[in-house]
Amino acid sequence: MKFKLDENFGPTVQQVFRKRGLDCRTVVDEGLSGSPDPDVLAAAVAEQRVLVTLDRDFSNVLTFPPATTCGIAVVNLPRRATRALLAAVLDSFLAACEDRRLRGKLWIVQPGRIREHESWTENEPE
């Protein structure tokens, strides 16, 4: 699995992924800081990476349909979350997704809870 961390994550978070042997790049490392959300997602799609972000805008499946992506993980934390909590939540997510398909899905990742949403396509029944 390959991941792209949005600009709201620092090097400490990148280490959570690297400790698991995962290929992980950051928006900052790639010079995309301050880029519009659609550009960030397009870069993740082009590189076939799961986008991991704190930006709740990415949880809008009408604006950012996950069906065309390798996956979008939106991390939802309490206001005053510590780095340790963030690392623990991400580690739980990575452990949970080891045996799951990420492609085409939106993941809402919270302390103690991970929700998985799959996009509907036009061919599926309502």
Protein backbone atom coordinates (compact mmCIF):
# COMPACT_ATOMS: atom_id res chain seq x y z
CA MET A 1 0.00 0.00 0.00
CA LYS A 2 1.13 3.51 -0.80
CA PHE A 3 -0.02 6.60 1.09
CA LYS A 4 0.05 10.37 0.66
CA LEU A 5 -0.20 12.48 3.82
CA ASP A 6 -1.90 15.84 3.50
CA GLU A 7 -0.05 18.96 4.59
CA ASN A 8 -1.64 18.95 8.04
CA PHE A 9 0.59 16.03 9.08
CA GLY A 10 4.22 16.32 10.07
CA PRO A 11 7.22 13.98 9.98
CA THR A 12 6.15 12.28 13.22
CA VAL A 13 3.05 10.93 11.51
CA GLN A 14 5.05 9.81 8.49
CA GLN A 15 7.10 7.64 10.85
CA VAL A 16 3.95 5.74 11.91
CA PHE A 17 3.62 4.57 8.31
CA ARG A 18 7.31 3.93 7.75
CA LYS A 19 7.59 1.81 10.92
CA ARG A 20 5.12 -0.55 9.23
CA GLY A 21 7.27 -0.59 6.10
CA LEU A 22 4.74 1.40 4.07
CA ASP A 23 5.55 3.73 1.19
CA CYS A 24 4.45 7.14 2.44
CA ARG A 25 4.96 10.59 0.92
CA THR A 26 3.76 13.95 2.14
CA VAL A 27 2.17 16.84 0.30
CA VAL A 28 4.87 19.08 1.81
CA ASP A 29 7.71 16.88 0.50
CA GLU A 30 6.25 17.06 -2.99
CA GLY A 31 5.86 20.85 -3.02
CA LEU A 32 2.06 20.77 -2.96
CA SER A 33 1.60 22.82 0.24
CA GLY A 34 -1.25 25.26 -0.16
CA SER A 35 -2.57 23.51 -3.26
CA PRO A 36 -6.35 23.29 -3.71
CA ASP A 37 -7.94 20.08 -2.42
CA PRO A 38 -8.79 18.76 -5.92
CA ASP A 39 -5.11 19.10 -6.91
CA VAL A 40 -3.96 17.21 -3.81
CA LEU A 41 -6.39 14.38 -4.52
CA ALA A 42 -5.42 14.33 -8.21
CA ALA A 43 -1.76 13.92 -7.21
CA ALA A 44 -2.66 11.01 -4.91
CA VAL A 45 -4.70 9.38 -7.69
CA ALA A 46 -1.91 9.87 -10.25
CA GLU A 47 0.57 8.20 -7.88
CA GLN A 48 -1.94 5.49 -6.89
CA ARG A 49 -1.78 6.46 -3.23
CA VAL A 50 -4.36 6.49 -0.45
CA LEU A 51 -4.85 10.09 0.70
CA VAL A 52 -4.73 10.51 4.49
CA THR A 53 -5.93 13.87 5.80
CA LEU A 54 -7.43 15.80 8.70
CA ASP A 55 -9.39 17.93 6.21
CA ARG A 56 -13.05 16.98 6.63
CA ASP A 57 -13.89 18.47 3.22
CA PHE A 58 -12.61 15.21 1.74
CA SER A 59 -15.45 13.34 3.48
CA ASN A 60 -17.93 14.88 1.01
CA VAL A 61 -18.42 12.03 -1.46
CA LEU A 62 -20.22 14.30 -3.92
CA THR A 63 -17.22 16.61 -4.18
CA PHE A 64 -14.55 13.93 -3.79
CA PRO A 65 -16.00 10.60 -4.95
CA PRO A 66 -13.78 7.84 -3.56
CA ALA A 67 -14.69 5.41 -6.36
CA THR A 68 -12.03 6.96 -8.61
CA THR A 69 -9.28 6.88 -5.95
CA CYS A 70 -7.04 4.39 -4.19
CA GLY A 71 -8.89 5.45 -1.06
CA ILE A 72 -9.39 8.49 1.15
CA ALA A 73 -8.87 8.34 4.92
CA VAL A 74 -10.22 11.32 6.86
CA VAL A 75 -8.89 11.38 10.42
CA ASN A 76 -11.35 12.95 12.84
CA LEU A 77 -9.83 13.80 16.23
CA PRO A 78 -10.94 15.79 19.28
CA ARG A 79 -9.81 19.43 19.27
CA ARG A 80 -6.92 19.03 21.68
CA ALA A 81 -5.65 15.67 20.53
CA THR A 82 -2.06 14.83 21.36
CA ARG A 83 0.51 13.49 18.91
CA ALA A 84 0.39 10.23 20.82
CA LEU A 85 -3.38 9.94 20.24
CA LEU A 86 -2.95 10.75 16.55
CA ALA A 87 -0.23 8.11 16.21
CA ALA A 88 -2.37 5.53 18.03
CA VAL A 89 -5.42 6.25 15.86
CA LEU A 90 -3.39 5.97 12.67
CA ASP A 91 -1.72 2.78 13.87
CA SER A 92 -5.18 1.29 14.57
CA PHE A 93 -6.32 2.29 11.09
CA LEU A 94 -3.27 0.73 9.46
CA ALA A 95 -3.73 -2.48 11.44
CA ALA A 96 -7.42 -2.63 10.52
CA CYS A 97 -6.84 -2.07 6.82
CA GLU A 98 -4.15 -4.73 6.43
CA ASP A 99 -6.75 -7.28 5.34
CA ARG A 100 -9.18 -4.87 3.66
CA ARG A 101 -9.41 -3.28 0.26
CA LEU A 102 -8.87 0.49 0.46
CA ARG A 103 -9.35 1.32 -3.22
CA GLY A 104 -12.55 3.21 -3.98
CA LYS A 105 -13.49 3.76 -0.35
CA LEU A 106 -13.77 6.62 2.10
CA TRP A 107 -12.57 5.86 5.61
CA ILE A 108 -13.53 8.01 8.59
CA VAL A 109 -10.95 7.29 11.27
CA GLN A 110 -11.66 8.28 14.89
CA PRO A 111 -10.37 7.17 18.28
CA GLY A 112 -11.98 3.76 18.88
CA ARG A 113 -13.94 3.77 15.62
CA ILE A 114 -13.25 3.31 11.93
CA ARG A 115 -16.08 3.72 9.42
CA GLU A 116 -15.83 2.48 5.86
CA HIS A 117 -17.95 3.98 3.07
CA GLU A 118 -18.12 2.70 -0.47
CA SER A 119 -19.32 4.82 -3.39
CA TRP A 120 -22.34 3.86 -5.38
CA THR A 121 -21.96 3.85 -9.13
CA GLU A 122 -24.67 4.65 -11.65
CA ASN A 123 -25.04 0.93 -12.44
CA GLU A 124 -25.88 -0.13 -8.89
CA PRO A 125 -29.47 -0.35 -7.60
CA GLU A 126 -30.75 2.41 -5.39
